[in-house]
């Protein structure tokens, strides 16, 4: 019988404590300068949360008239709106809750490793890696989606493993719901339930193939139906069936902009303004719908990549390198 230095409860408590202490140290350092809770997209999320509270609409404008927002998914703005609704417009309150989520994520990792029947020391090690990760420490202290997304990711996988191990449908439904919430936090995960479908056959050995596939299909149907209800909302509002238009915006105004700036030996701001003026002029002249404007953005970006293949390849490889050597 395997002996453990810590009981499971002690291991979870230790990982949570380490996660909390480190994140609170960062919080203590920046809490007296509330603007340090904001970075990159933080102001946009903050504005959408305020609009949800004041007008009941997810919108990015600073004041009316408001238009339904297509660029962001709803879960993180709803999270901020719920916190602001209770505590007032206090970003520190949202950050403290994110610190709790970030710390609990390490504990969920410990439980996940245990469910996979790996040694307990492996679970503690994995949980501590999450607890001490420098990027996670920083993002927990910013109004950004990363912390909530990571918590939902680990919880989604954990509850799915619970279903595979226990065979109780409630875990399947809960996992599918969490996967949907995760995709509506960061759309990058929207196809993950489909990618996991083949695992139902290998993970559920107690069932016959037909039954395992039935559960897998049910899981995918629930998660995708919940996820793409937001895409249907966007289609009703603007004729664009997508979770978020941010990917096309990033494609033209970040990736293509960087290639264009390098090709023209101009600044990033000059390239941004050039692209924005070009897109706006064509969309106005041709009376383009939101969907057609997105298609135009995609076409313009691809045109820049095709015109400058070596620079595009260089930018791509540079981005990949940064992910591995400088993720934060």
C-alpha atoms as a PDB file:
ATOM      1  CA  UNK A   1       0.000   0.000   0.000  1.00  0.00           C
ATOM      2  CA  UNK A   2       1.418   3.383  -1.008  1.00  0.00           C
ATOM      3  CA  UNK A   3       2.275   5.736   1.862  1.00  0.00           C
ATOM      4  CA  UNK A   4       1.886   9.486   1.519  1.00  0.00           C
ATOM      5  CA  UNK A   5       3.809  12.206   3.297  1.00  0.00           C
ATOM      6  CA  UNK A   6       0.637  14.350   3.196  1.00  0.00           C
ATOM      7  CA  UNK A   7      -2.991  13.358   3.275  1.00  0.00           C
ATOM      8  CA  UNK A   8      -5.008  14.505   0.283  1.00  0.00           C
ATOM      9  CA  UNK A   9      -6.579  17.280   2.347  1.00  0.00           C
ATOM     10  CA  UNK A  10      -3.169  18.475   3.528  1.00  0.00           C
ATOM     11  CA  UNK A  11      -1.772  18.403  -0.008  1.00  0.00           C
ATOM     12  CA  UNK A  12      -4.667  20.484  -1.320  1.00  0.00           C
ATOM     13  CA  UNK A  13      -4.404  22.924   1.577  1.00  0.00           C
ATOM     14  CA  UNK A  14      -0.660  23.322   1.043  1.00  0.00           C
ATOM     15  CA  UNK A  15      -1.045  24.065  -2.672  1.00  0.00           C
ATOM     16  CA  UNK A  16      -3.859  26.558  -2.027  1.00  0.00           C
ATOM     17  CA  UNK A  17      -1.833  28.298   0.682  1.00  0.00           C
ATOM     18  CA  UNK A  18       1.221  28.693  -1.569  1.00  0.00           C
ATOM     19  CA  UNK A  19      -0.937  30.004  -4.408  1.00  0.00           C
ATOM     20  CA  UNK A  20      -2.728  32.484  -2.174  1.00  0.00           C
ATOM     21  CA  UNK A  21       0.416  33.829  -0.508  1.00  0.00           C
ATOM     22  CA  UNK A  22       2.284  34.450  -3.756  1.00  0.00           C
ATOM     23  CA  UNK A  23      -0.670  36.095  -5.485  1.00  0.00           C
ATOM     24  CA  UNK A  24      -1.418  38.239  -2.447  1.00  0.00           C
ATOM     25  CA  UNK A  25       2.189  39.410  -2.375  1.00  0.00           C
ATOM     26  CA  UNK A  26       1.751  40.747  -5.914  1.00  0.00           C
ATOM     27  CA  UNK A  27      -1.593  42.247  -4.896  1.00  0.00           C
ATOM     28  CA  UNK A  28      -0.025  44.009  -1.903  1.00  0.00           C
ATOM     29  CA  UNK A  29       2.631  45.486  -4.170  1.00  0.00           C
ATOM     30  CA  UNK A  30       0.208  47.027  -6.689  1.00  0.00           C
ATOM     31  CA  UNK A  31      -3.031  47.526  -4.732  1.00  0.00           C
ATOM     32  CA  UNK A  32      -2.267  51.173  -3.930  1.00  0.00           C
ATOM     33  CA  UNK A  33      -2.125  51.964  -7.642  1.00  0.00           C
ATOM     34  CA  UNK A  34      -5.442  50.624  -9.017  1.00  0.00           C
ATOM     35  CA  UNK A  35      -4.452  51.377 -12.620  1.00  0.00           C
ATOM     36  CA  UNK A  36      -1.936  48.547 -12.344  1.00  0.00           C
ATOM     37  CA  UNK A  37      -4.894  46.145 -12.321  1.00  0.00           C
ATOM     38  CA  UNK A  38      -5.479  47.255 -15.929  1.00  0.00           C
ATOM     39  CA  UNK A  39      -3.489  46.209 -18.984  1.00  0.00           C
ATOM     40  CA  UNK A  40      -4.052  45.484 -22.667  1.00  0.00           C
ATOM     41  CA  UNK A  41      -7.751  44.615 -22.930  1.00  0.00           C
ATOM     42  CA  UNK A  42      -8.698  45.371 -19.308  1.00  0.00           C
ATOM     43  CA  UNK A  43     -10.398  48.689 -20.013  1.00  0.00           C
ATOM     44  CA  UNK A  44     -12.567  47.053 -22.664  1.00  0.00           C
ATOM     45  CA  UNK A  45     -13.757  44.353 -20.279  1.00  0.00           C
ATOM     46  CA  UNK A  46     -14.330  46.965 -17.587  1.00  0.00           C
ATOM     47  CA  UNK A  47     -16.451  49.109 -19.913  1.00  0.00           C
ATOM     48  CA  UNK A  48     -18.543  46.145 -21.025  1.00  0.00           C
ATOM     49  CA  UNK A  49     -19.194  45.181 -17.401  1.00  0.00           C
ATOM     50  CA  UNK A  50     -20.352  48.726 -16.592  1.00  0.00           C
ATOM     51  CA  UNK A  51     -22.653  48.763 -19.616  1.00  0.00           C
ATOM     52  CA  UNK A  52     -24.141  45.440 -18.530  1.00  0.00           C
ATOM     53  CA  UNK A  53     -24.935  46.920 -15.122  1.00  0.00           C
ATOM     54  CA  UNK A  54     -26.232  50.263 -16.360  1.00  0.00           C
ATOM     55  CA  UNK A  55     -27.952  49.321 -19.614  1.00  0.00           C
ATOM     56  CA  UNK A  56     -28.241  45.542 -19.603  1.00  0.00           C
ATOM     57  CA  UNK A  57     -26.266  45.328 -22.849  1.00  0.00           C
ATOM     58  CA  UNK A  58     -22.854  43.932 -23.699  1.00  0.00           C
ATOM     59  CA  UNK A  59     -21.396  46.900 -25.546  1.00  0.00           C
ATOM     60  CA  UNK A  60     -18.019  48.546 -25.853  1.00  0.00           C
ATOM     61  CA  UNK A  61     -18.987  52.206 -26.203  1.00  0.00           C
ATOM     62  CA  UNK A  62     -18.220  54.636 -23.395  1.00  0.00           C
ATOM     63  CA  UNK A  63     -21.697  56.184 -23.601  1.00  0.00           C
ATOM     64  CA  UNK A  64     -25.012  55.753 -25.475  1.00  0.00           C
ATOM     65  CA  UNK A  65     -26.038  55.095 -28.139  1.00  0.00           C
ATOM     66  CA  UNK A  66     -24.776  51.556 -27.623  1.00  0.00           C
ATOM     67  CA  UNK A  67     -24.459  48.807 -30.211  1.00  0.00           C
ATOM     68  CA  UNK A  68     -24.372  45.096 -29.335  1.00  0.00           C
ATOM     69  CA  UNK A  69     -20.749  44.009 -29.061  1.00  0.00           C
ATOM     70  CA  UNK A  70     -19.483  41.268 -31.371  1.00  0.00           C
ATOM     71  CA  UNK A  71     -15.820  41.303 -30.437  1.00  0.00           C
ATOM     72  CA  UNK A  72     -16.016  39.832 -26.929  1.00  0.00           C
ATOM     73  CA  UNK A  73     -17.675  36.776 -25.448  1.00  0.00           C
ATOM     74  CA  UNK A  74     -19.909  37.361 -22.412  1.00  0.00           C
ATOM     75  CA  UNK A  75     -18.638  35.331 -19.457  1.00  0.00           C
ATOM     76  CA  UNK A  76     -15.789  37.535 -18.217  1.00  0.00           C
ATOM     77  CA  UNK A  77     -17.744  40.813 -18.537  1.00  0.00           C
ATOM     78  CA  UNK A  78     -20.606  39.102 -16.681  1.00  0.00           C
ATOM     79  CA  UNK A  79     -18.171  38.031 -13.965  1.00  0.00           C
ATOM     80  CA  UNK A  80     -16.937  41.620 -13.573  1.00  0.00           C
ATOM     81  CA  UNK A  81     -20.494  42.969 -13.646  1.00  0.00           C
ATOM     82  CA  UNK A  82     -21.493  40.576 -10.849  1.00  0.00           C
ATOM     83  CA  UNK A  83     -18.546  41.707  -8.705  1.00  0.00           C
ATOM     84  CA  UNK A  84     -19.163  45.398  -9.419  1.00  0.00           C
ATOM     85  CA  UNK A  85     -22.853  44.932  -8.711  1.00  0.00           C
ATOM     86  CA  UNK A  86     -22.025  43.733  -5.189  1.00  0.00           C
ATOM     87  CA  UNK A  87     -18.963  45.818  -4.285  1.00  0.00           C
ATOM     88  CA  UNK A  88     -19.293  48.811  -6.578  1.00  0.00           C
ATOM     89  CA  UNK A  89     -16.785  49.699  -9.265  1.00  0.00           C
ATOM     90  CA  UNK A  90     -13.848  48.317  -7.286  1.00  0.00           C
ATOM     91  CA  UNK A  91     -11.376  46.425  -9.496  1.00  0.00           C
ATOM     92  CA  UNK A  92      -9.502  45.200  -6.412  1.00  0.00           C
ATOM     93  CA  UNK A  93     -12.570  43.129  -5.432  1.00  0.00           C
ATOM     94  CA  UNK A  94     -12.532  41.346  -8.812  1.00  0.00           C
ATOM     95  CA  UNK A  95      -8.788  40.796  -8.555  1.00  0.00           C
ATOM     96  CA  UNK A  96      -9.091  39.292  -5.061  1.00  0.00           C
ATOM     97  CA  UNK A  97     -11.712  36.861  -6.342  1.00  0.00           C
ATOM     98  CA  UNK A  98      -9.409  35.978  -9.243  1.00  0.00           C
ATOM     99  CA  UNK A  99      -6.646  35.322  -6.709  1.00  0.00           C
ATOM    100  CA  UNK A 100      -8.955  32.818  -5.012  1.00  0.00           C
ATOM    101  CA  UNK A 101      -9.736  31.182  -8.364  1.00  0.00           C
ATOM    102  CA  UNK A 102      -6.058  31.038  -9.289  1.00  0.00           C
ATOM    103  CA  UNK A 103      -5.197  29.388  -5.984  1.00  0.00           C
ATOM    104  CA  UNK A 104      -8.054  26.883  -6.248  1.00  0.00           C
ATOM    105  CA  UNK A 105      -6.884  25.909  -9.726  1.00  0.00           C
ATOM    106  CA  UNK A 106      -3.778  24.337  -8.213  1.00  0.00           C
ATOM    107  CA  UNK A 107      -6.002  22.317  -5.881  1.00  0.00           C
ATOM    108  CA  UNK A 108      -8.118  21.159  -8.811  1.00  0.00           C
ATOM    109  CA  UNK A 109      -4.930  19.972 -10.513  1.00  0.00           C
ATOM    110  CA  UNK A 110      -4.080  17.891  -7.429  1.00  0.00           C
ATOM    111  CA  UNK A 111      -7.530  16.271  -7.599  1.00  0.00           C
ATOM    112  CA  UNK A 112      -7.186  15.678 -11.338  1.00  0.00           C
ATOM    113  CA  UNK A 113      -3.857  13.879 -10.913  1.00  0.00           C
ATOM    114  CA  UNK A 114      -5.411  11.752  -8.164  1.00  0.00           C
ATOM    115  CA  UNK A 115      -8.323  10.783 -10.426  1.00  0.00           C
ATOM    116  CA  UNK A 116      -5.819   9.749 -13.095  1.00  0.00           C
ATOM    117  CA  UNK A 117      -4.320   7.365 -10.477  1.00  0.00           C
ATOM    118  CA  UNK A 118      -0.886   8.942 -10.586  1.00  0.00           C
ATOM    119  CA  UNK A 119       1.274   9.186  -7.441  1.00  0.00           C
ATOM    120  CA  UNK A 120       0.252  11.836  -4.951  1.00  0.00           C
ATOM    121  CA  UNK A 121       3.677  13.481  -5.135  1.00  0.00           C
ATOM    122  CA  UNK A 122       3.008  14.077  -8.844  1.00  0.00           C
ATOM    123  CA  UNK A 123      -0.247  15.806  -7.974  1.00  0.00           C
ATOM    124  CA  UNK A 124       1.426  18.036  -5.388  1.00  0.00           C
ATOM    125  CA  UNK A 125       4.217  18.879  -7.852  1.00  0.00           C
ATOM    126  CA  UNK A 126       1.740  19.684 -10.633  1.00  0.00           C
ATOM    127  CA  UNK A 127      -0.370  21.782  -8.282  1.00  0.00           C
ATOM    128  CA  UNK A 128       2.684  23.702  -7.076  1.00  0.00           C
ATOM    129  CA  UNK A 129       3.747  24.424 -10.661  1.00  0.00           C
ATOM    130  CA  UNK A 130       0.368  26.076 -11.189  1.00  0.00           C
ATOM    131  CA  UNK A 131       0.593  27.830  -7.822  1.00  0.00           C
ATOM    132  CA  UNK A 132       4.016  29.398  -8.436  1.00  0.00           C
ATOM    133  CA  UNK A 133       3.832  30.059 -12.192  1.00  0.00           C
ATOM    134  CA  UNK A 134       4.986  33.694 -12.604  1.00  0.00           C
ATOM    135  CA  UNK A 135       2.636  34.454 -15.497  1.00  0.00           C
ATOM    136  CA  UNK A 136      -0.324  33.116 -13.524  1.00  0.00           C
ATOM    137  CA  UNK A 137       0.678  35.234 -10.528  1.00  0.00           C
ATOM    138  CA  UNK A 138       0.597  38.360 -12.668  1.00  0.00           C
ATOM    139  CA  UNK A 139      -2.555  37.645 -14.684  1.00  0.00           C
ATOM    140  CA  UNK A 140      -4.495  36.879 -11.489  1.00  0.00           C
ATOM    141  CA  UNK A 141      -3.773  40.487 -10.511  1.00  0.00           C
ATOM    142  CA  UNK A 142      -5.016  41.938 -13.794  1.00  0.00           C
ATOM    143  CA  UNK A 143      -8.528  42.365 -15.159  1.00  0.00           C
ATOM    144  CA  UNK A 144      -7.963  39.723 -17.824  1.00  0.00           C
ATOM    145  CA  UNK A 145      -9.670  36.458 -18.746  1.00  0.00           C
ATOM    146  CA  UNK A 146      -6.697  34.133 -18.192  1.00  0.00           C
ATOM    147  CA  UNK A 147      -7.338  33.205 -14.550  1.00  0.00           C
ATOM    148  CA  UNK A 148     -11.048  32.458 -14.928  1.00  0.00           C
ATOM    149  CA  UNK A 149     -10.373  30.574 -18.162  1.00  0.00           C
ATOM    150  CA  UNK A 150      -7.709  28.370 -16.565  1.00  0.00           C
ATOM    151  CA  UNK A 151      -9.927  27.548 -13.598  1.00  0.00           C
ATOM    152  CA  UNK A 152     -12.759  26.571 -15.937  1.00  0.00           C
ATOM    153  CA  UNK A 153     -10.371  24.515 -18.081  1.00  0.00           C
ATOM    154  CA  UNK A 154      -9.107  22.400 -15.198  1.00  0.00           C
ATOM    155  CA  UNK A 155     -12.595  22.084 -13.672  1.00  0.00           C
ATOM    156  CA  UNK A 156     -14.005  21.013 -17.051  1.00  0.00           C
ATOM    157  CA  UNK A 157     -11.449  18.258 -17.508  1.00  0.00           C
ATOM    158  CA  UNK A 158     -11.717  17.141 -13.872  1.00  0.00           C
ATOM    159  CA  UNK A 159     -15.494  16.747 -14.019  1.00  0.00           C
ATOM    160  CA  UNK A 160     -15.198  14.882 -17.321  1.00  0.00           C
ATOM    161  CA  UNK A 161     -12.755  12.448 -15.720  1.00  0.00           C
ATOM    162  CA  UNK A 162     -15.194  12.100 -12.821  1.00  0.00           C
ATOM    163  CA  UNK A 163     -17.820  11.022 -15.349  1.00  0.00           C
ATOM    164  CA  UNK A 164     -15.499   8.525 -17.007  1.00  0.00           C
ATOM    165  CA  UNK A 165     -14.596   7.028 -13.634  1.00  0.00           C
ATOM    166  CA  UNK A 166     -18.066   7.065 -12.027  1.00  0.00           C
ATOM    167  CA  UNK A 167     -20.448   6.881 -14.961  1.00  0.00           C
ATOM    168  CA  UNK A 168     -22.877   9.422 -13.463  1.00  0.00           C
ATOM    169  CA  UNK A 169     -24.528  11.552 -16.145  1.00  0.00           C
ATOM    170  CA  UNK A 170     -24.664  14.606 -13.880  1.00  0.00           C
ATOM    171  CA  UNK A 171     -20.866  14.870 -14.165  1.00  0.00           C
ATOM    172  CA  UNK A 172     -21.144  14.705 -17.949  1.00  0.00           C
ATOM    173  CA  UNK A 173     -23.709  17.519 -18.022  1.00  0.00           C
ATOM    174  CA  UNK A 174     -21.678  19.626 -15.593  1.00  0.00           C
ATOM    175  CA  UNK A 175     -18.505  19.113 -17.607  1.00  0.00           C
ATOM    176  CA  UNK A 176     -20.229  20.031 -20.890  1.00  0.00           C
ATOM    177  CA  UNK A 177     -21.617  23.186 -19.258  1.00  0.00           C
ATOM    178  CA  UNK A 178     -18.184  24.161 -17.928  1.00  0.00           C
ATOM    179  CA  UNK A 179     -16.643  23.607 -21.363  1.00  0.00           C
ATOM    180  CA  UNK A 180     -19.243  25.976 -22.809  1.00  0.00           C
ATOM    181  CA  UNK A 181     -18.543  28.610 -20.164  1.00  0.00           C
ATOM    182  CA  UNK A 182     -14.846  28.232 -20.908  1.00  0.00           C
ATOM    183  CA  UNK A 183     -15.390  28.819 -24.638  1.00  0.00           C
ATOM    184  CA  UNK A 184     -17.533  31.844 -23.817  1.00  0.00           C
ATOM    185  CA  UNK A 185     -14.623  33.167 -21.763  1.00  0.00           C
ATOM    186  CA  UNK A 186     -11.954  32.605 -24.431  1.00  0.00           C
ATOM    187  CA  UNK A 187     -13.225  31.294 -27.792  1.00  0.00           C
ATOM    188  CA  UNK A 188      -9.949  29.495 -28.528  1.00  0.00           C
ATOM    189  CA  UNK A 189     -11.357  26.442 -26.707  1.00  0.00           C
ATOM    190  CA  UNK A 190     -14.599  26.182 -28.676  1.00  0.00           C
ATOM    191  CA  UNK A 191     -13.628  22.999 -30.595  1.00  0.00           C
ATOM    192  CA  UNK A 192     -12.036  21.229 -27.614  1.00  0.00           C
ATOM    193  CA  UNK A 193     -15.145  19.105 -26.814  1.00  0.00           C
ATOM    194  CA  UNK A 194     -15.074  17.716 -30.361  1.00  0.00           C
ATOM    195  CA  UNK A 195     -11.348  16.998 -30.077  1.00  0.00           C
ATOM    196  CA  UNK A 196     -12.014  15.047 -26.857  1.00  0.00           C
ATOM    197  CA  UNK A 197     -14.722  12.874 -28.404  1.00  0.00           C
ATOM    198  CA  UNK A 198     -12.386   9.946 -29.323  1.00  0.00           C
ATOM    199  CA  UNK A 199     -11.285   9.708 -25.686  1.00  0.00           C
ATOM    200  CA  UNK A 200     -14.738   8.513 -24.659  1.00  0.00           C
ATOM    201  CA  UNK A 201     -14.009   5.143 -26.249  1.00  0.00           C
ATOM    202  CA  UNK A 202     -10.703   4.619 -24.475  1.00  0.00           C
ATOM    203  CA  UNK A 203     -11.635   6.188 -21.152  1.00  0.00           C
ATOM    204  CA  UNK A 204     -14.977   4.431 -20.651  1.00  0.00           C
ATOM    205  CA  UNK A 205     -13.929   0.789 -20.797  1.00  0.00           C
ATOM    206  CA  UNK A 206     -16.889  -0.392 -18.750  1.00  0.00           C
ATOM    207  CA  UNK A 207     -19.280   0.515 -21.572  1.00  0.00           C
ATOM    208  CA  UNK A 208     -19.856  -0.973 -24.968  1.00  0.00           C
ATOM    209  CA  UNK A 209     -18.682   1.080 -27.937  1.00  0.00           C
ATOM    210  CA  UNK A 210     -22.186   2.201 -28.874  1.00  0.00           C
ATOM    211  CA  UNK A 211     -22.950   3.489 -25.389  1.00  0.00           C
ATOM    212  CA  UNK A 212     -19.582   5.256 -25.064  1.00  0.00           C
ATOM    213  CA  UNK A 213     -20.156   7.017 -28.365  1.00  0.00           C
ATOM    214  CA  UNK A 214     -23.685   7.962 -27.290  1.00  0.00           C
ATOM    215  CA  UNK A 215     -22.296   9.654 -24.179  1.00  0.00           C
ATOM    216  CA  UNK A 216     -19.611  11.347 -26.263  1.00  0.00           C
ATOM    217  CA  UNK A 217     -22.144  12.731 -28.714  1.00  0.00           C
ATOM    218  CA  UNK A 218     -24.358  13.925 -25.823  1.00  0.00           C
ATOM    219  CA  UNK A 219     -21.347  15.712 -24.324  1.00  0.00           C
ATOM    220  CA  UNK A 220     -20.532  17.451 -27.613  1.00  0.00           C
ATOM    221  CA  UNK A 221     -24.156  18.382 -28.305  1.00  0.00           C
ATOM    222  CA  UNK A 222     -24.685  19.971 -24.878  1.00  0.00           C
ATOM    223  CA  UNK A 223     -21.421  21.910 -24.888  1.00  0.00           C
ATOM    224  CA  UNK A 224     -21.660  23.136 -28.490  1.00  0.00           C
ATOM    225  CA  UNK A 225     -25.356  24.029 -28.177  1.00  0.00           C
ATOM    226  CA  UNK A 226     -24.636  26.196 -25.142  1.00  0.00           C
ATOM    227  CA  UNK A 227     -21.537  27.688 -26.726  1.00  0.00           C
ATOM    228  CA  UNK A 228     -23.043  28.561 -30.087  1.00  0.00           C
ATOM    229  CA  UNK A 229     -26.164  30.072 -28.613  1.00  0.00           C
ATOM    230  CA  UNK A 230     -23.931  33.156 -28.349  1.00  0.00           C
ATOM    231  CA  UNK A 231     -22.952  32.849 -32.004  1.00  0.00           C
ATOM    232  CA  UNK A 232     -26.667  32.754 -32.829  1.00  0.00           C
ATOM    233  CA  UNK A 233     -27.128  35.931 -30.787  1.00  0.00           C
ATOM    234  CA  UNK A 234     -24.426  37.604 -32.877  1.00  0.00           C
ATOM    235  CA  UNK A 235     -26.097  36.378 -36.046  1.00  0.00           C
ATOM    236  CA  UNK A 236     -29.402  37.881 -34.968  1.00  0.00           C
ATOM    237  CA  UNK A 237     -27.753  41.176 -34.070  1.00  0.00           C
ATOM    238  CA  UNK A 238     -25.447  41.630 -37.073  1.00  0.00           C
ATOM    239  CA  UNK A 239     -25.735  38.673 -39.433  1.00  0.00           C
ATOM    240  CA  UNK A 240     -22.383  37.248 -38.255  1.00  0.00           C
ATOM    241  CA  UNK A 241     -22.474  33.674 -36.936  1.00  0.00           C
ATOM    242  CA  UNK A 242     -19.363  33.727 -34.766  1.00  0.00           C
ATOM    243  CA  UNK A 243     -18.493  33.705 -31.083  1.00  0.00           C
ATOM    244  CA  UNK A 244     -16.237  36.698 -31.481  1.00  0.00           C
ATOM    245  CA  UNK A 245     -14.889  38.904 -34.240  1.00  0.00           C
ATOM    246  CA  UNK A 246     -11.681  39.553 -32.326  1.00  0.00           C
ATOM    247  CA  UNK A 247      -9.703  36.969 -34.313  1.00  0.00           C
ATOM    248  CA  UNK A 248     -10.219  38.876 -37.572  1.00  0.00           C
ATOM    249  CA  UNK A 249      -9.407  42.145 -35.837  1.00  0.00           C
ATOM    250  CA  UNK A 250      -6.186  40.649 -34.476  1.00  0.00           C
ATOM    251  CA  UNK A 251      -5.336  39.230 -37.883  1.00  0.00           C
ATOM    252  CA  UNK A 252      -5.436  42.594 -39.652  1.00  0.00           C
ATOM    253  CA  UNK A 253      -4.522  45.086 -36.925  1.00  0.00           C
ATOM    254  CA  UNK A 254      -1.825  43.091 -35.121  1.00  0.00           C
ATOM    255  CA  UNK A 255      -0.287  40.379 -37.289  1.00  0.00           C
ATOM    256  CA  UNK A 256      -0.744  42.009 -40.692  1.00  0.00           C
ATOM    257  CA  UNK A 257       0.118  45.395 -39.199  1.00  0.00           C
ATOM    258  CA  UNK A 258       3.459  44.072 -37.924  1.00  0.00           C
ATOM    259  CA  UNK A 259       4.311  42.649 -41.350  1.00  0.00           C
ATOM    260  CA  UNK A 260       3.263  45.867 -43.110  1.00  0.00           C
ATOM    261  CA  UNK A 261       5.277  48.053 -40.721  1.00  0.00           C
ATOM    262  CA  UNK A 262       8.388  45.940 -41.291  1.00  0.00           C
ATOM    263  CA  UNK A 263       7.897  45.952 -45.070  1.00  0.00           C
ATOM    264  CA  UNK A 264       7.465  49.719 -45.197  1.00  0.00           C
ATOM    265  CA  UNK A 265      10.045  50.469 -42.483  1.00  0.00           C
ATOM    266  CA  UNK A 266       7.332  52.487 -40.721  1.00  0.00           C
ATOM    267  CA  UNK A 267       6.149  52.557 -37.117  1.00  0.00           C
ATOM    268  CA  UNK A 268       3.470  50.220 -35.787  1.00  0.00           C
ATOM    269  CA  UNK A 269       1.163  53.193 -35.198  1.00  0.00           C
ATOM    270  CA  UNK A 270       1.562  54.407 -38.792  1.00  0.00           C
ATOM    271  CA  UNK A 271       0.811  50.947 -40.164  1.00  0.00           C
ATOM    272  CA  UNK A 272      -2.229  50.658 -37.867  1.00  0.00           C
ATOM    273  CA  UNK A 273      -3.601  54.006 -39.033  1.00  0.00           C
ATOM    274  CA  UNK A 274      -2.993  53.110 -42.681  1.00  0.00           C
ATOM    275  CA  UNK A 275      -4.896  49.837 -42.372  1.00  0.00           C
ATOM    276  CA  UNK A 276      -7.707  51.411 -40.371  1.00  0.00           C
ATOM    277  CA  UNK A 277      -8.152  54.196 -42.918  1.00  0.00           C
ATOM    278  CA  UNK A 278      -8.147  51.698 -45.778  1.00  0.00           C
ATOM    279  CA  UNK A 279     -10.709  49.370 -44.174  1.00  0.00           C
ATOM    280  CA  UNK A 280     -12.969  52.240 -43.077  1.00  0.00           C
ATOM    281  CA  UNK A 281     -12.901  53.906 -46.497  1.00  0.00           C
ATOM    282  CA  UNK A 282     -13.801  50.701 -48.363  1.00  0.00           C
ATOM    283  CA  UNK A 283     -16.498  49.686 -45.877  1.00  0.00           C
ATOM    284  CA  UNK A 284     -18.088  53.138 -46.078  1.00  0.00           C
ATOM    285  CA  UNK A 285     -17.877  53.423 -49.854  1.00  0.00           C
ATOM    286  CA  UNK A 286     -19.313  49.946 -50.448  1.00  0.00           C
ATOM    287  CA  UNK A 287     -21.884  50.127 -47.612  1.00  0.00           C
ATOM    288  CA  UNK A 288     -20.592  46.868 -46.178  1.00  0.00           C
ATOM    289  CA  UNK A 289     -22.429  44.948 -43.488  1.00  0.00           C
ATOM    290  CA  UNK A 290     -20.516  43.861 -40.345  1.00  0.00           C
ATOM    291  CA  UNK A 291     -20.051  40.391 -41.849  1.00  0.00           C
ATOM    292  CA  UNK A 292     -18.773  41.842 -45.118  1.00  0.00           C
ATOM    293  CA  UNK A 293     -16.414  44.162 -43.232  1.00  0.00           C
ATOM    294  CA  UNK A 294     -14.926  41.149 -41.441  1.00  0.00           C
ATOM    295  CA  UNK A 295     -14.435  39.420 -44.777  1.00  0.00           C
ATOM    296  CA  UNK A 296     -12.701  42.544 -46.061  1.00  0.00           C
ATOM    297  CA  UNK A 297     -10.378  42.595 -43.028  1.00  0.00           C
ATOM    298  CA  UNK A 298      -9.501  38.940 -43.595  1.00  0.00           C
ATOM    299  CA  UNK A 299      -8.892  39.522 -47.312  1.00  0.00           C
ATOM    300  CA  UNK A 300      -6.655  42.537 -46.666  1.00  0.00           C
ATOM    301  CA  UNK A 301      -4.623  40.648 -44.057  1.00  0.00           C
ATOM    302  CA  UNK A 302      -4.119  37.623 -46.281  1.00  0.00           C
ATOM    303  CA  UNK A 303      -3.119  39.923 -49.133  1.00  0.00           C
ATOM    304  CA  UNK A 304      -0.380  41.442 -46.955  1.00  0.00           C
ATOM    305  CA  UNK A 305       0.872  38.000 -45.928  1.00  0.00           C
ATOM    306  CA  UNK A 306       0.991  36.785 -49.541  1.00  0.00           C
ATOM    307  CA  UNK A 307       2.815  39.928 -50.664  1.00  0.00           C
ATOM    308  CA  UNK A 308       5.472  39.546 -47.975  1.00  0.00           C
ATOM    309  CA  UNK A 309       5.919  35.790 -47.357  1.00  0.00           C
ATOM    310  CA  UNK A 310       9.397  35.963 -45.807  1.00  0.00           C
ATOM    311  CA  UNK A 311       8.460  38.690 -43.363  1.00  0.00           C
ATOM    312  CA  UNK A 312       5.269  36.787 -42.513  1.00  0.00           C
ATOM    313  CA  UNK A 313       7.256  33.609 -41.816  1.00  0.00           C
ATOM    314  CA  UNK A 314       9.726  35.581 -39.693  1.00  0.00           C
ATOM    315  CA  UNK A 315       6.922  37.152 -37.652  1.00  0.00           C
ATOM    316  CA  UNK A 316       5.266  33.770 -37.169  1.00  0.00           C
ATOM    317  CA  UNK A 317       8.462  32.046 -36.000  1.00  0.00           C
ATOM    318  CA  UNK A 318       9.256  34.987 -33.728  1.00  0.00           C
ATOM    319  CA  UNK A 319       5.824  34.661 -32.110  1.00  0.00           C
ATOM    320  CA  UNK A 320       6.276  30.931 -31.586  1.00  0.00           C
ATOM    321  CA  UNK A 321       9.659  31.582 -30.014  1.00  0.00           C
ATOM    322  CA  UNK A 322       8.248  34.137 -27.595  1.00  0.00           C
ATOM    323  CA  UNK A 323       5.628  31.656 -26.413  1.00  0.00           C
ATOM    324  CA  UNK A 324       8.380  29.251 -25.344  1.00  0.00           C
ATOM    325  CA  UNK A 325      11.093  31.592 -24.051  1.00  0.00           C
ATOM    326  CA  UNK A 326       9.176  34.686 -22.953  1.00  0.00           C
ATOM    327  CA  UNK A 327       5.529  33.771 -22.269  1.00  0.00           C
ATOM    328  CA  UNK A 328       5.001  36.586 -19.754  1.00  0.00           C
END
